[in-house]
All heavy atoms as atom14 arrays in JSON, in Angstrom:
{
  "sequence": "ASTGGQVMPPVMGAAAFVMAEFLGMSYTDIMIAAVVPAV",
  "atom14_mask": [
    [1, 1, 1, 1, 1, 0, 0, 0, 0, 0, 0, 0, 0, 0],
    [1, 1, 1, 1, 1, 1, 0, 0, 0, 0, 0, 0, 0, 0],
    [1, 1, 1, 1, 1, 1, 1, 0, 0, 0, 0, 0, 0, 0],
    [1, 1, 1, 1, 0, 0, 0, 0, 0, 0, 0, 0, 0, 0],
    [1, 1, 1, 1, 0, 0, 0, 0, 0, 0, 0, 0, 0, 0],
    [1, 1, 1, 1, 1, 1, 1, 1, 1, 0, 0, 0, 0, 0],
    [1, 1, 1, 1, 1, 1, 1, 0, 0, 0, 0, 0, 0, 0],
    [1, 1, 1, 1, 1, 1, 1, 1, 0, 0, 0, 0, 0, 0],
    [1, 1, 1, 1, 1, 1, 1, 0, 0, 0, 0, 0, 0, 0],
    [1, 1, 1, 1, 1, 1, 1, 0, 0, 0, 0, 0, 0, 0],
    [1, 1, 1, 1, 1, 1, 1, 0, 0, 0, 0, 0, 0, 0],
    [1, 1, 1, 1, 1, 1, 1, 1, 0, 0, 0, 0, 0, 0],
    [1, 1, 1, 1, 0, 0, 0, 0, 0, 0, 0, 0, 0, 0],
    [1, 1, 1, 1, 1, 0, 0, 0, 0, 0, 0, 0, 0, 0],
    [1, 1, 1, 1, 1, 0, 0, 0, 0, 0, 0, 0, 0, 0],
    [1, 1, 1, 1, 1, 0, 0, 0, 0, 0, 0, 0, 0, 0],
    [1, 1, 1, 1, 1, 1, 1, 1, 1, 1, 1, 0, 0, 0],
    [1, 1, 1, 1, 1, 1, 1, 0, 0, 0, 0, 0, 0, 0],
    [1, 1, 1, 1, 1, 1, 1, 1, 0, 0, 0, 0, 0, 0],
    [1, 1, 1, 1, 1, 0, 0, 0, 0, 0, 0, 0, 0, 0],
    [1, 1, 1, 1, 1, 1, 1, 1, 1, 0, 0, 0, 0, 0],
    [1, 1, 1, 1, 1, 1, 1, 1, 1, 1, 1, 0, 0, 0],
    [1, 1, 1, 1, 1, 1, 1, 1, 0, 0, 0, 0, 0, 0],
    [1, 1, 1, 1, 0, 0, 0, 0, 0, 0, 0, 0, 0, 0],
    [1, 1, 1, 1, 1, 1, 1, 1, 0, 0, 0, 0, 0, 0],
    [1, 1, 1, 1, 1, 1, 0, 0, 0, 0, 0, 0, 0, 0],
    [1, 1, 1, 1, 1, 1, 1, 1, 1, 1, 1, 1, 0, 0],
    [1, 1, 1, 1, 1, 1, 1, 0, 0, 0, 0, 0, 0, 0],
    [1, 1, 1, 1, 1, 1, 1, 1, 0, 0, 0, 0, 0, 0],
    [1, 1, 1, 1, 1, 1, 1, 1, 0, 0, 0, 0, 0, 0],
    [1, 1, 1, 1, 1, 1, 1, 1, 0, 0, 0, 0, 0, 0],
    [1, 1, 1, 1, 1, 1, 1, 1, 0, 0, 0, 0, 0, 0],
    [1, 1, 1, 1, 1, 0, 0, 0, 0, 0, 0, 0, 0, 0],
    [1, 1, 1, 1, 1, 0, 0, 0, 0, 0, 0, 0, 0, 0],
    [1, 1, 1, 1, 1, 1, 1, 0, 0, 0, 0, 0, 0, 0],
    [1, 1, 1, 1, 1, 1, 1, 0, 0, 0, 0, 0, 0, 0],
    [1, 1, 1, 1, 1, 1, 1, 0, 0, 0, 0, 0, 0, 0],
    [1, 1, 1, 1, 1, 0, 0, 0, 0, 0, 0, 0, 0, 0],
    [1, 1, 1, 1, 1, 1, 1, 0, 0, 0, 0, 0, 0, 0]
  ],
  "atom14_positions": [
    [[41.66, 159.0, 118.44], [42.77, 158.45, 119.12], [42.87, 158.9, 120.58], [43.15, 158.0, 121.45], [44.09, 158.85, 118.38], [0.0, 0.0, 0.0], [0.0, 0.0, 0.0], [0.0, 0.0, 0.0], [0.0, 0.0, 0.0], [0.0, 0.0, 0.0], [0.0, 0.0, 0.0], [0.0, 0.0, 0.0], [0.0, 0.0, 0.0], [0.0, 0.0, 0.0]],
    [[42.58, 160.13, 120.83], [42.64, 160.6, 122.23], [41.55, 160.01, 123.05], [41.72, 159.62, 124.25], [42.49, 162.12, 122.31], [43.57, 162.77, 121.59], [0.0, 0.0, 0.0], [0.0, 0.0, 0.0], [0.0, 0.0, 0.0], [0.0, 0.0, 0.0], [0.0, 0.0, 0.0], [0.0, 0.0, 0.0], [0.0, 0.0, 0.0], [0.0, 0.0, 0.0]],
    [[40.43, 159.85, 122.5], [39.22, 159.13, 123.22], [39.57, 157.71, 123.57], [39.28, 157.17, 124.58], [38.0, 159.17, 122.36], [37.59, 160.55, 122.15], [36.81, 158.44, 123.13], [0.0, 0.0, 0.0], [0.0, 0.0, 0.0], [0.0, 0.0, 0.0], [0.0, 0.0, 0.0], [0.0, 0.0, 0.0], [0.0, 0.0, 0.0], [0.0, 0.0, 0.0]],
    [[40.36, 157.04, 122.61], [40.69, 155.63, 122.85], [41.65, 155.54, 123.93], [41.83, 154.44, 124.55], [0.0, 0.0, 0.0], [0.0, 0.0, 0.0], [0.0, 0.0, 0.0], [0.0, 0.0, 0.0], [0.0, 0.0, 0.0], [0.0, 0.0, 0.0], [0.0, 0.0, 0.0], [0.0, 0.0, 0.0], [0.0, 0.0, 0.0], [0.0, 0.0, 0.0]],
    [[42.31, 156.59, 124.37], [43.22, 156.52, 125.48], [42.57, 156.1, 126.84], [43.19, 155.57, 127.64], [0.0, 0.0, 0.0], [0.0, 0.0, 0.0], [0.0, 0.0, 0.0], [0.0, 0.0, 0.0], [0.0, 0.0, 0.0], [0.0, 0.0, 0.0], [0.0, 0.0, 0.0], [0.0, 0.0, 0.0], [0.0, 0.0, 0.0], [0.0, 0.0, 0.0]],
    [[41.26, 156.34, 126.88], [40.45, 156.03, 128.07], [40.2, 154.54, 128.14], [39.82, 154.0, 129.22], [39.19, 156.84, 128.18], [39.44, 158.3, 128.23], [38.09, 159.05, 128.34], [37.72, 159.53, 129.42], [37.47, 159.13, 127.16], [0.0, 0.0, 0.0], [0.0, 0.0, 0.0], [0.0, 0.0, 0.0], [0.0, 0.0, 0.0], [0.0, 0.0, 0.0]],
    [[40.26, 153.85, 126.99], [39.9, 152.37, 127.0], [41.14, 151.45, 126.71], [40.98, 150.25, 126.69], [38.85, 152.12, 125.91], [37.64, 152.96, 126.16], [39.42, 152.43, 124.54], [0.0, 0.0, 0.0], [0.0, 0.0, 0.0], [0.0, 0.0, 0.0], [0.0, 0.0, 0.0], [0.0, 0.0, 0.0], [0.0, 0.0, 0.0], [0.0, 0.0, 0.0]],
    [[42.31, 152.1, 126.48], [43.51, 151.36, 126.18], [44.34, 151.08, 127.43], [44.74, 151.98, 128.06], [44.36, 152.04, 125.16], [45.71, 151.42, 124.88], [45.61, 149.74, 124.34], [45.28, 149.93, 122.56], [0.0, 0.0, 0.0], [0.0, 0.0, 0.0], [0.0, 0.0, 0.0], [0.0, 0.0, 0.0], [0.0, 0.0, 0.0], [0.0, 0.0, 0.0]],
    [[44.57, 149.76, 127.8], [45.49, 149.44, 128.94], [46.86, 149.81, 128.55], [47.11, 149.93, 127.35], [45.3, 147.96, 129.04], [44.03, 147.6, 128.33], [43.89, 148.59, 127.17], [0.0, 0.0, 0.0], [0.0, 0.0, 0.0], [0.0, 0.0, 0.0], [0.0, 0.0, 0.0], [0.0, 0.0, 0.0], [0.0, 0.0, 0.0], [0.0, 0.0, 0.0]],
    [[47.77, 149.95, 129.44], [47.68, 149.59, 130.83], [47.01, 150.66, 131.73], [46.55, 150.38, 132.77], [49.05, 149.25, 131.28], [49.96, 150.07, 130.39], [49.18, 150.24, 129.08], [0.0, 0.0, 0.0], [0.0, 0.0, 0.0], [0.0, 0.0, 0.0], [0.0, 0.0, 0.0], [0.0, 0.0, 0.0], [0.0, 0.0, 0.0], [0.0, 0.0, 0.0]],
    [[47.18, 151.93, 131.38], [46.59, 153.04, 132.19], [45.42, 153.62, 131.43], [45.61, 154.33, 130.45], [47.7, 154.15, 132.52], [47.08, 155.18, 133.4], [48.93, 153.5, 133.11], [0.0, 0.0, 0.0], [0.0, 0.0, 0.0], [0.0, 0.0, 0.0], [0.0, 0.0, 0.0], [0.0, 0.0, 0.0], [0.0, 0.0, 0.0], [0.0, 0.0, 0.0]],
    [[44.25, 153.29, 131.91], [43.04, 153.71, 131.25], [42.51, 154.95, 131.95], [43.12, 155.54, 132.8], [42.06, 152.6, 131.26], [42.48, 151.28, 130.69], [41.67, 149.82, 131.14], [40.01, 150.08, 130.39], [0.0, 0.0, 0.0], [0.0, 0.0, 0.0], [0.0, 0.0, 0.0], [0.0, 0.0, 0.0], [0.0, 0.0, 0.0], [0.0, 0.0, 0.0]],
    [[41.3, 155.41, 131.52], [40.64, 156.56, 132.15], [40.25, 156.28, 133.55], [40.21, 155.18, 134.0], [0.0, 0.0, 0.0], [0.0, 0.0, 0.0], [0.0, 0.0, 0.0], [0.0, 0.0, 0.0], [0.0, 0.0, 0.0], [0.0, 0.0, 0.0], [0.0, 0.0, 0.0], [0.0, 0.0, 0.0], [0.0, 0.0, 0.0], [0.0, 0.0, 0.0]],
    [[39.83, 157.39, 134.31], [39.49, 157.28, 135.73], [38.22, 156.34, 135.92], [38.2, 155.65, 136.9], [39.21, 158.67, 136.3], [0.0, 0.0, 0.0], [0.0, 0.0, 0.0], [0.0, 0.0, 0.0], [0.0, 0.0, 0.0], [0.0, 0.0, 0.0], [0.0, 0.0, 0.0], [0.0, 0.0, 0.0], [0.0, 0.0, 0.0], [0.0, 0.0, 0.0]],
    [[37.39, 156.32, 134.89], [36.21, 155.47, 134.96], [36.5, 154.01, 135.12], [35.76, 153.24, 135.71], [35.27, 155.69, 133.76], [0.0, 0.0, 0.0], [0.0, 0.0, 0.0], [0.0, 0.0, 0.0], [0.0, 0.0, 0.0], [0.0, 0.0, 0.0], [0.0, 0.0, 0.0], [0.0, 0.0, 0.0], [0.0, 0.0, 0.0], [0.0, 0.0, 0.0]],
    [[37.66, 153.53, 134.56], [38.07, 152.15, 134.61], [38.39, 151.78, 136.04], [38.09, 150.65, 136.54], [39.26, 151.94, 133.76], [0.0, 0.0, 0.0], [0.0, 0.0, 0.0], [0.0, 0.0, 0.0], [0.0, 0.0, 0.0], [0.0, 0.0, 0.0], [0.0, 0.0, 0.0], [0.0, 0.0, 0.0], [0.0, 0.0, 0.0], [0.0, 0.0, 0.0]],
    [[38.99, 152.71, 136.83], [39.31, 152.49, 138.23], [37.99, 152.41, 138.97], [37.87, 151.55, 139.93], [40.28, 153.54, 138.72], [41.58, 153.48, 138.08], [41.84, 154.48, 137.09], [42.62, 152.64, 138.45], [43.1, 154.44, 136.42], [43.82, 152.65, 137.87], [44.13, 153.58, 136.79], [0.0, 0.0, 0.0], [0.0, 0.0, 0.0], [0.0, 0.0, 0.0]],
    [[37.09, 153.2, 138.66], [35.74, 153.27, 139.38], [35.02, 151.93, 139.02], [34.42, 151.29, 139.91], [34.88, 154.4, 138.9], [33.44, 154.33, 139.53], [35.55, 155.78, 139.21], [0.0, 0.0, 0.0], [0.0, 0.0, 0.0], [0.0, 0.0, 0.0], [0.0, 0.0, 0.0], [0.0, 0.0, 0.0], [0.0, 0.0, 0.0], [0.0, 0.0, 0.0]],
    [[35.25, 151.32, 137.8], [34.65, 150.15, 137.47], [35.1, 148.95, 138.25], [34.38, 148.09, 138.69], [34.85, 149.79, 135.96], [34.06, 148.61, 135.46], [34.68, 147.94, 133.85], [34.69, 149.35, 132.88], [0.0, 0.0, 0.0], [0.0, 0.0, 0.0], [0.0, 0.0, 0.0], [0.0, 0.0, 0.0], [0.0, 0.0, 0.0], [0.0, 0.0, 0.0]],
    [[36.42, 148.99, 138.58], [37.01, 148.01, 139.5], [36.41, 147.99, 140.79], [36.13, 146.9, 141.36], [38.58, 148.23, 139.5], [0.0, 0.0, 0.0], [0.0, 0.0, 0.0], [0.0, 0.0, 0.0], [0.0, 0.0, 0.0], [0.0, 0.0, 0.0], [0.0, 0.0, 0.0], [0.0, 0.0, 0.0], [0.0, 0.0, 0.0], [0.0, 0.0, 0.0]],
    [[36.07, 149.13, 141.27], [35.42, 149.23, 142.59], [33.98, 148.75, 142.51], [33.5, 148.03, 143.42], [35.41, 150.69, 143.1], [36.89, 151.25, 143.3], [37.48, 150.54, 144.62], [36.79, 150.11, 145.51], [38.71, 150.4, 144.49], [0.0, 0.0, 0.0], [0.0, 0.0, 0.0], [0.0, 0.0, 0.0], [0.0, 0.0, 0.0], [0.0, 0.0, 0.0]],
    [[33.27, 149.08, 141.4], [31.89, 148.67, 141.3], [31.76, 147.11, 141.24], [30.86, 146.53, 141.84], [31.35, 149.19, 139.88], [30.33, 150.33, 140.08], [30.71, 151.57, 139.58], [29.14, 150.25, 140.65], [29.88, 152.71, 139.66], [28.27, 151.25, 140.81], [28.63, 152.6, 140.3], [0.0, 0.0, 0.0], [0.0, 0.0, 0.0], [0.0, 0.0, 0.0]],
    [[32.7, 146.42, 140.53], [32.66, 145.05, 140.33], [33.41, 144.25, 141.42], [33.26, 143.02, 141.41], [33.28, 144.71, 138.94], [32.48, 145.21, 137.74], [33.33, 144.97, 136.43], [31.1, 144.47, 137.6], [0.0, 0.0, 0.0], [0.0, 0.0, 0.0], [0.0, 0.0, 0.0], [0.0, 0.0, 0.0], [0.0, 0.0, 0.0], [0.0, 0.0, 0.0]],
    [[34.16, 144.94, 142.3], [34.84, 144.23, 143.33], [36.0, 143.44, 142.76], [36.36, 142.35, 143.26], [0.0, 0.0, 0.0], [0.0, 0.0, 0.0], [0.0, 0.0, 0.0], [0.0, 0.0, 0.0], [0.0, 0.0, 0.0], [0.0, 0.0, 0.0], [0.0, 0.0, 0.0], [0.0, 0.0, 0.0], [0.0, 0.0, 0.0], [0.0, 0.0, 0.0]],
    [[36.6, 143.87, 141.64], [37.68, 143.27, 140.95], [38.97, 144.05, 141.09], [38.92, 145.33, 141.35], [37.31, 143.03, 139.47], [36.13, 142.23, 139.24], [35.63, 142.15, 137.47], [37.05, 141.34, 136.8], [0.0, 0.0, 0.0], [0.0, 0.0, 0.0], [0.0, 0.0, 0.0], [0.0, 0.0, 0.0], [0.0, 0.0, 0.0], [0.0, 0.0, 0.0]],
    [[40.12, 143.46, 140.9], [41.33, 144.21, 140.84], [41.46, 144.96, 139.48], [40.85, 144.52, 138.46], [42.59, 143.27, 140.99], [42.66, 142.43, 139.85], [0.0, 0.0, 0.0], [0.0, 0.0, 0.0], [0.0, 0.0, 0.0], [0.0, 0.0, 0.0], [0.0, 0.0, 0.0], [0.0, 0.0, 0.0], [0.0, 0.0, 0.0], [0.0, 0.0, 0.0]],
    [[42.21, 146.05, 139.47], [42.34, 146.78, 138.26], [43.11, 145.96, 137.2], [42.88, 146.15, 136.01], [43.08, 148.06, 138.56], [43.45, 148.87, 137.29], [42.36, 149.54, 136.63], [44.69, 148.91, 136.74], [42.64, 150.21, 135.5], [44.97, 149.62, 135.62], [43.89, 150.27, 134.96], [44.15, 150.92, 133.79], [0.0, 0.0, 0.0], [0.0, 0.0, 0.0]],
    [[43.99, 145.03, 137.67], [44.6, 144.21, 136.7], [43.67, 143.37, 135.83], [43.83, 143.2, 134.67], [45.61, 143.21, 137.5], [46.47, 143.98, 138.35], [46.42, 142.38, 136.52], [0.0, 0.0, 0.0], [0.0, 0.0, 0.0], [0.0, 0.0, 0.0], [0.0, 0.0, 0.0], [0.0, 0.0, 0.0], [0.0, 0.0, 0.0], [0.0, 0.0, 0.0]],
    [[42.53, 142.83, 136.5], [41.6, 142.04, 135.81], [40.82, 142.92, 134.81], [40.54, 142.56, 133.68], [40.6, 141.39, 136.77], [41.24, 140.37, 137.62], [42.21, 139.79, 137.2], [40.83, 140.2, 138.8], [0.0, 0.0, 0.0], [0.0, 0.0, 0.0], [0.0, 0.0, 0.0], [0.0, 0.0, 0.0], [0.0, 0.0, 0.0], [0.0, 0.0, 0.0]],
    [[40.55, 144.17, 135.17], [39.91, 145.12, 134.22], [40.78, 145.39, 133.02], [40.35, 145.36, 131.9], [39.48, 146.44, 134.98], [38.59, 146.24, 136.2], [38.96, 147.44, 133.99], [37.22, 145.77, 135.74], [0.0, 0.0, 0.0], [0.0, 0.0, 0.0], [0.0, 0.0, 0.0], [0.0, 0.0, 0.0], [0.0, 0.0, 0.0], [0.0, 0.0, 0.0]],
    [[42.07, 145.61, 133.39], [43.07, 145.89, 132.33], [43.17, 144.75, 131.34], [43.2, 144.95, 130.12], [44.47, 146.11, 133.01], [45.52, 146.67, 132.11], [46.93, 147.17, 133.16], [47.32, 145.64, 133.99], [0.0, 0.0, 0.0], [0.0, 0.0, 0.0], [0.0, 0.0, 0.0], [0.0, 0.0, 0.0], [0.0, 0.0, 0.0], [0.0, 0.0, 0.0]],
    [[43.21, 143.54, 131.77], [43.3, 142.32, 130.91], [42.11, 142.26, 130.02], [42.13, 142.0, 128.86], [43.54, 141.07, 131.72], [44.94, 141.11, 132.46], [43.36, 139.83, 130.87], [45.15, 140.06, 133.4], [0.0, 0.0, 0.0], [0.0, 0.0, 0.0], [0.0, 0.0, 0.0], [0.0, 0.0, 0.0], [0.0, 0.0, 0.0], [0.0, 0.0, 0.0]],
    [[40.88, 142.49, 130.63], [39.63, 142.36, 129.92], [39.51, 143.44, 128.81], [38.91, 143.24, 127.75], [38.5, 142.51, 130.85], [0.0, 0.0, 0.0], [0.0, 0.0, 0.0], [0.0, 0.0, 0.0], [0.0, 0.0, 0.0], [0.0, 0.0, 0.0], [0.0, 0.0, 0.0], [0.0, 0.0, 0.0], [0.0, 0.0, 0.0], [0.0, 0.0, 0.0]],
    [[40.22, 144.52, 129.0], [40.07, 145.64, 128.03], [41.06, 145.56, 126.8], [40.91, 146.32, 125.84], [40.34, 147.03, 128.77], [0.0, 0.0, 0.0], [0.0, 0.0, 0.0], [0.0, 0.0, 0.0], [0.0, 0.0, 0.0], [0.0, 0.0, 0.0], [0.0, 0.0, 0.0], [0.0, 0.0, 0.0], [0.0, 0.0, 0.0], [0.0, 0.0, 0.0]],
    [[41.93, 144.62, 126.83], [43.08, 144.51, 125.78], [42.46, 144.4, 124.42], [42.74, 145.21, 123.52], [44.03, 143.4, 126.15], [44.95, 143.23, 124.93], [44.9, 143.78, 127.39], [0.0, 0.0, 0.0], [0.0, 0.0, 0.0], [0.0, 0.0, 0.0], [0.0, 0.0, 0.0], [0.0, 0.0, 0.0], [0.0, 0.0, 0.0], [0.0, 0.0, 0.0]],
    [[41.65, 143.25, 124.24], [41.24, 143.01, 122.86], [40.37, 144.05, 122.23], [40.6, 144.51, 121.13], [40.52, 141.65, 122.82], [39.92, 141.37, 121.44], [41.5, 140.45, 123.17], [0.0, 0.0, 0.0], [0.0, 0.0, 0.0], [0.0, 0.0, 0.0], [0.0, 0.0, 0.0], [0.0, 0.0, 0.0], [0.0, 0.0, 0.0], [0.0, 0.0, 0.0]],
    [[39.31, 144.57, 122.97], [38.45, 145.67, 122.42], [39.29, 146.89, 122.02], [39.03, 147.57, 121.04], [37.45, 145.99, 123.58], [37.33, 144.8, 124.34], [38.75, 144.11, 124.3], [0.0, 0.0, 0.0], [0.0, 0.0, 0.0], [0.0, 0.0, 0.0], [0.0, 0.0, 0.0], [0.0, 0.0, 0.0], [0.0, 0.0, 0.0], [0.0, 0.0, 0.0]],
    [[40.24, 147.29, 122.88], [41.13, 148.37, 122.62], [41.92, 148.23, 121.42], [42.08, 149.18, 120.57], [41.94, 148.73, 123.88], [0.0, 0.0, 0.0], [0.0, 0.0, 0.0], [0.0, 0.0, 0.0], [0.0, 0.0, 0.0], [0.0, 0.0, 0.0], [0.0, 0.0, 0.0], [0.0, 0.0, 0.0], [0.0, 0.0, 0.0], [0.0, 0.0, 0.0]],
    [[42.57, 147.08, 121.22], [43.37, 146.85, 120.04], [42.52, 146.85, 118.76], [42.97, 147.4, 117.72], [44.04, 145.41, 120.21], [44.74, 145.02, 118.89], [45.11, 145.48, 121.32], [0.0, 0.0, 0.0], [0.0, 0.0, 0.0], [0.0, 0.0, 0.0], [0.0, 0.0, 0.0], [0.0, 0.0, 0.0], [0.0, 0.0, 0.0], [0.0, 0.0, 0.0]]
  ]
}
């Protein structure tokens, strides 16, 4: 459950913010994309 905290929106792990920079996307888009896998 604690590990899942890094993949569960709305506030994910630090790596998710880095991913947004890598992809040139807003964090909001990353957050929306992560919803279904996390659920």
